[in-house]
Amino acid sequence: MNSENIKLEKSWHKHLSGEFDQDYMLKLKKFLNSEYEKKKLIFPKGSEYFNAFNACPFEKVKVVIIGQDPYHGPDQAHGLCFSVKKGVRVPPSLRNIYKELKSDLNIEPPEHGYLQSWADQGVLLLNATLTVESGKAGSHQKKGWETFTDRVIEVLNHKRENLVFVLWGSYAQKKGKMIDRDRHLVLESPHPSPLSAHRGFFGSKPFSKIDQHLSKHGLPAVNWNIAD
């Protein structure tokens, strides 16, 4: 874990800098360094660990979408949950997100899965765990990242108002237990995975609900349309 290549956007650093000296984070750094020393392939690369934060400064956050692990296949993960870079096949969960976007707002899905334009507009695409070993889903769970991302949610919950937290699936919903629902809008549904999307994700209309909430509080809607 080469800290020289790992940068955290300054507004987030202001709120989270104290976390990096905590025991859990020191143990996490030790774990990651050990994995690198063993020549294990870890996704995303170090410079992309905090992409979600670097793309979306603290005061700019309007919406928080919580994922679980980064993708564990080659060239997939780049630090934004559910997103893959252009040229990478769109993963099944994201295809279902696009289907719901089409059903909800009649927006045609792009040919790629790069969600940077959402992040640029204040959508924090936050995975609960920020790293994973190649080909091993969940391999970096319970190593410390969840404590860090709990702290992220806690800070947003207490220091911001009228955010929208999008919790797809039971894992994200457990992460959201600390959110003050009088202060923020919380949208919950099954996960968009092909295993669960038909249990209530399809038809949940999260995108229009987000925009209605933002409009109600005098904030600009998100342009969910992703250019090719």
Protein backbone atom coordinates (compact mmCIF):
# COMPACT_ATOMS: atom_id res chain seq x y z
CA MET A 1 0.00 0.00 0.00
CA ASN A 2 2.13 2.85 -1.30
CA SER A 3 0.68 5.94 0.34
CA GLU A 4 2.50 8.19 -2.12
CA ASN A 5 0.08 7.04 -4.83
CA ILE A 6 -3.03 7.25 -2.65
CA LYS A 7 -4.62 10.67 -2.45
CA LEU A 8 -7.84 11.68 -0.71
CA GLU A 9 -9.63 14.82 -1.89
CA LYS A 10 -9.04 17.70 0.55
CA SER A 11 -12.62 18.22 1.77
CA TRP A 12 -12.92 14.52 2.60
CA HIS A 13 -9.47 14.56 4.17
CA LYS A 14 -10.67 17.32 6.49
CA HIS A 15 -13.46 15.08 7.81
CA LEU A 16 -11.66 11.73 7.72
CA SER A 17 -7.98 12.43 8.36
CA GLY A 18 -8.22 11.18 11.95
CA GLU A 19 -9.25 7.74 10.70
CA PHE A 20 -5.85 7.02 9.21
CA ASP A 21 -4.16 6.89 12.61
CA GLN A 22 -6.76 4.56 14.13
CA ASP A 23 -5.77 0.99 15.00
CA TYR A 24 -8.17 -0.53 12.49
CA MET A 25 -6.66 1.48 9.64
CA LEU A 26 -3.09 0.67 10.66
CA LYS A 27 -4.05 -3.03 10.66
CA LEU A 28 -5.67 -2.60 7.25
CA LYS A 29 -2.51 -0.99 5.85
CA LYS A 30 -0.46 -3.85 7.27
CA PHE A 31 -2.78 -6.40 5.69
CA LEU A 32 -2.65 -4.70 2.27
CA ASN A 33 1.14 -4.37 2.38
CA SER A 34 1.40 -8.07 3.23
CA GLU A 35 -0.85 -8.97 0.28
CA TYR A 36 1.26 -6.88 -2.09
CA GLU A 37 4.43 -8.48 -0.76
CA LYS A 38 2.91 -11.86 -1.59
CA LYS A 39 2.49 -10.59 -5.17
CA LYS A 40 -1.27 -10.86 -4.99
CA LEU A 41 -3.24 -8.92 -7.57
CA ILE A 42 -5.53 -6.39 -5.88
CA PHE A 43 -8.32 -4.33 -7.45
CA PRO A 44 -8.60 -1.44 -7.94
CA LYS A 45 -5.06 -0.12 -8.15
CA GLY A 46 -3.90 2.02 -5.25
CA SER A 47 -4.34 5.35 -6.99
CA GLU A 48 -8.04 4.48 -7.49
CA TYR A 49 -8.92 3.38 -3.93
CA PHE A 50 -10.54 6.73 -3.19
CA ASN A 51 -11.90 7.58 -6.64
CA ALA A 52 -15.46 7.87 -5.32
CA PHE A 53 -14.35 10.62 -2.93
CA ASN A 54 -12.00 12.35 -5.34
CA ALA A 55 -14.76 12.60 -7.96
CA CYS A 56 -17.32 13.92 -5.48
CA PRO A 57 -16.15 16.41 -2.81
CA PHE A 58 -17.89 16.34 0.56
CA GLU A 59 -20.03 19.45 0.11
CA LYS A 60 -21.06 18.39 -3.39
CA VAL A 61 -22.60 15.05 -2.35
CA LYS A 62 -26.34 14.85 -3.06
CA VAL A 63 -26.85 11.11 -3.43
CA VAL A 64 -25.03 8.13 -1.89
CA ILE A 65 -25.30 4.75 -3.60
CA ILE A 66 -23.78 2.02 -1.45
CA GLY A 67 -22.26 -1.08 -3.02
CA GLN A 68 -20.47 -4.02 -1.43
CA ASP A 69 -17.13 -5.11 -2.93
CA PRO A 70 -15.25 -3.79 -5.93
CA TYR A 71 -15.52 -6.00 -9.01
CA HIS A 72 -12.90 -8.73 -8.81
CA GLY A 73 -12.35 -9.34 -12.54
CA PRO A 74 -9.52 -7.89 -14.62
CA ASP A 75 -9.90 -4.22 -15.66
CA GLN A 76 -13.28 -3.85 -13.95
CA ALA A 77 -12.91 -2.01 -10.63
CA HIS A 78 -11.82 1.62 -10.69
CA GLY A 79 -13.13 2.96 -7.38
CA LEU A 80 -16.78 3.77 -8.21
CA CYS A 81 -19.33 1.17 -7.15
CA PHE A 82 -21.19 -0.56 -10.01
CA SER A 83 -19.05 1.31 -12.57
CA VAL A 84 -16.55 -0.06 -15.09
CA LYS A 85 -14.42 1.89 -17.52
CA LYS A 86 -15.25 2.19 -21.19
CA GLY A 87 -14.25 -0.85 -23.18
CA VAL A 88 -15.11 -3.24 -20.32
CA ARG A 89 -18.22 -5.37 -20.64
CA VAL A 90 -21.15 -3.98 -18.65
CA PRO A 91 -21.65 -6.26 -15.60
CA PRO A 92 -25.06 -7.90 -15.00
CA SER A 93 -26.06 -5.76 -11.99
CA LEU A 94 -25.32 -2.56 -13.89
CA ARG A 95 -27.29 -3.84 -16.88
CA ASN A 96 -30.26 -4.21 -14.54
CA ILE A 97 -29.69 -0.71 -13.17
CA TYR A 98 -29.84 0.54 -16.76
CA LYS A 99 -33.07 -1.42 -17.34
CA GLU A 100 -34.66 0.27 -14.34
CA LEU A 101 -33.38 3.66 -15.50
CA LYS A 102 -35.07 3.05 -18.86
CA SER A 103 -38.32 1.97 -17.17
CA ASP A 104 -38.26 4.84 -14.67
CA LEU A 105 -37.11 7.81 -16.76
CA ASN A 106 -37.13 6.41 -20.32
CA ILE A 107 -33.37 6.95 -20.59
CA GLU A 108 -31.67 4.70 -23.10
CA PRO A 109 -28.72 2.75 -21.67
CA PRO A 110 -25.26 3.59 -23.00
CA GLU A 111 -23.00 1.00 -24.60
CA HIS A 112 -20.55 1.25 -21.67
CA GLY A 113 -20.67 1.11 -17.88
CA TYR A 114 -18.65 4.19 -16.96
CA LEU A 115 -20.59 6.15 -14.32
CA GLN A 116 -18.16 9.04 -13.90
CA SER A 117 -20.76 11.56 -15.06
CA TRP A 118 -23.00 10.58 -12.13
CA ALA A 119 -20.12 11.03 -9.68
CA ASP A 120 -19.30 14.43 -11.18
CA GLN A 121 -22.84 15.57 -10.34
CA GLY A 122 -22.72 14.65 -6.66
CA VAL A 123 -23.53 10.93 -6.67
CA LEU A 124 -21.13 9.24 -4.25
CA LEU A 125 -20.66 5.72 -5.60
CA LEU A 126 -19.39 4.11 -2.42
CA ASN A 127 -18.38 0.50 -1.97
CA ALA A 128 -18.42 -0.77 1.62
CA THR A 129 -15.06 -2.44 1.00
CA LEU A 130 -12.61 -0.52 -1.17
CA THR A 131 -10.30 -3.35 -2.29
CA VAL A 132 -10.53 -7.01 -3.30
CA GLU A 133 -8.16 -9.77 -4.43
CA SER A 134 -8.42 -10.77 -8.07
CA GLY A 135 -11.01 -13.49 -8.58
CA LYS A 136 -11.95 -13.69 -4.89
CA ALA A 137 -15.17 -11.89 -4.07
CA GLY A 138 -15.31 -10.70 -0.47
CA SER A 139 -11.64 -11.44 0.16
CA HIS A 140 -10.99 -8.06 1.83
CA GLN A 141 -14.13 -7.94 3.93
CA LYS A 142 -13.72 -7.53 7.70
CA LYS A 143 -10.20 -6.16 7.30
CA GLY A 144 -11.10 -2.59 8.26
CA TRP A 145 -12.65 -0.98 5.21
CA GLU A 146 -16.18 -1.38 6.57
CA THR A 147 -15.25 0.63 9.66
CA PHE A 148 -13.89 3.38 7.44
CA THR A 149 -16.97 3.49 5.21
CA ASP A 150 -19.25 3.40 8.27
CA ARG A 151 -17.44 6.54 9.36
CA VAL A 152 -18.07 8.08 5.93
CA ILE A 153 -21.80 7.41 6.27
CA GLU A 154 -21.79 8.71 9.84
CA VAL A 155 -20.10 11.99 8.88
CA LEU A 156 -22.50 12.55 5.97
CA ASN A 157 -25.45 11.70 8.19
CA HIS A 158 -24.51 14.24 10.86
CA LYS A 159 -22.94 17.05 8.85
CA ARG A 160 -25.16 17.18 5.77
CA GLU A 161 -28.92 17.47 5.28
CA ASN A 162 -31.44 16.22 2.73
CA LEU A 163 -29.17 13.66 1.12
CA VAL A 164 -30.55 10.58 -0.61
CA PHE A 165 -29.07 7.26 0.50
CA VAL A 166 -29.75 4.40 -1.94
CA LEU A 167 -29.52 1.00 -0.27
CA TRP A 168 -29.86 -1.88 -2.70
CA GLY A 169 -29.82 -5.28 -1.02
CA SER A 170 -29.49 -6.45 2.57
CA TYR A 171 -25.77 -5.68 2.85
CA ALA A 172 -26.25 -2.01 1.99
CA GLN A 173 -29.35 -1.82 4.18
CA LYS A 174 -27.34 -2.99 7.19
CA LYS A 175 -24.80 -0.25 6.46
CA GLY A 176 -27.63 2.26 6.50
CA LYS A 177 -28.99 1.55 9.96
CA MET A 178 -27.27 4.64 11.42
CA ILE A 179 -28.89 7.07 8.95
CA ASP A 180 -31.34 9.60 10.40
CA ARG A 181 -34.43 9.15 8.25
CA ASP A 182 -35.95 12.41 9.43
CA ARG A 183 -32.90 14.23 8.10
CA HIS A 184 -32.31 12.30 4.87
CA LEU A 185 -34.27 10.26 2.32
CA VAL A 186 -33.43 6.56 2.38
CA LEU A 187 -34.45 4.40 -0.58
CA GLU A 188 -34.32 0.64 -0.07
CA SER A 189 -34.99 -2.21 -2.46
CA PRO A 190 -33.56 -5.62 -3.38
CA HIS A 191 -30.15 -5.65 -5.05
CA PRO A 192 -30.02 -5.22 -8.86
CA SER A 193 -28.17 -8.53 -9.19
CA PRO A 194 -29.86 -11.00 -11.59
CA LEU A 195 -30.42 -13.19 -8.51
CA SER A 196 -32.65 -10.64 -6.80
CA ALA A 197 -33.66 -7.82 -9.16
CA HIS A 198 -37.05 -9.40 -9.89
CA ARG A 199 -37.93 -9.38 -6.17
CA GLY A 200 -38.60 -5.65 -6.15
CA PHE A 201 -35.67 -3.77 -7.62
CA PHE A 202 -37.44 -3.60 -10.97
CA GLY A 203 -40.26 -1.11 -10.61
CA SER A 204 -38.78 0.63 -7.56
CA LYS A 205 -38.23 3.89 -9.54
CA PRO A 206 -35.23 5.12 -7.54
CA PHE A 207 -34.09 7.70 -10.08
CA SER A 208 -37.35 9.66 -10.26
CA LYS A 209 -37.67 9.48 -6.46
CA ILE A 210 -34.18 10.94 -6.08
CA ASP A 211 -34.94 13.78 -8.46
CA GLN A 212 -38.26 14.55 -6.75
CA HIS A 213 -36.49 14.79 -3.40
CA LEU A 214 -33.75 17.03 -4.76
CA SER A 215 -36.29 19.31 -6.43
CA LYS A 216 -38.31 19.52 -3.22
CA HIS A 217 -35.24 20.85 -1.43
CA GLY A 218 -34.20 23.29 -4.15
CA LEU A 219 -31.39 21.18 -5.54
CA PRO A 220 -30.81 20.44 -9.23
CA ALA A 221 -31.83 17.00 -10.44
CA VAL A 222 -29.17 14.55 -11.55
CA ASN A 223 -28.80 14.16 -15.29
CA TRP A 224 -28.89 10.36 -15.32
CA ASN A 225 -28.34 10.24 -19.08
CA ILE A 226 -24.87 8.84 -19.78
CA ALA A 227 -23.33 9.86 -23.08
CA ASP A 228 -21.65 7.24 -25.22
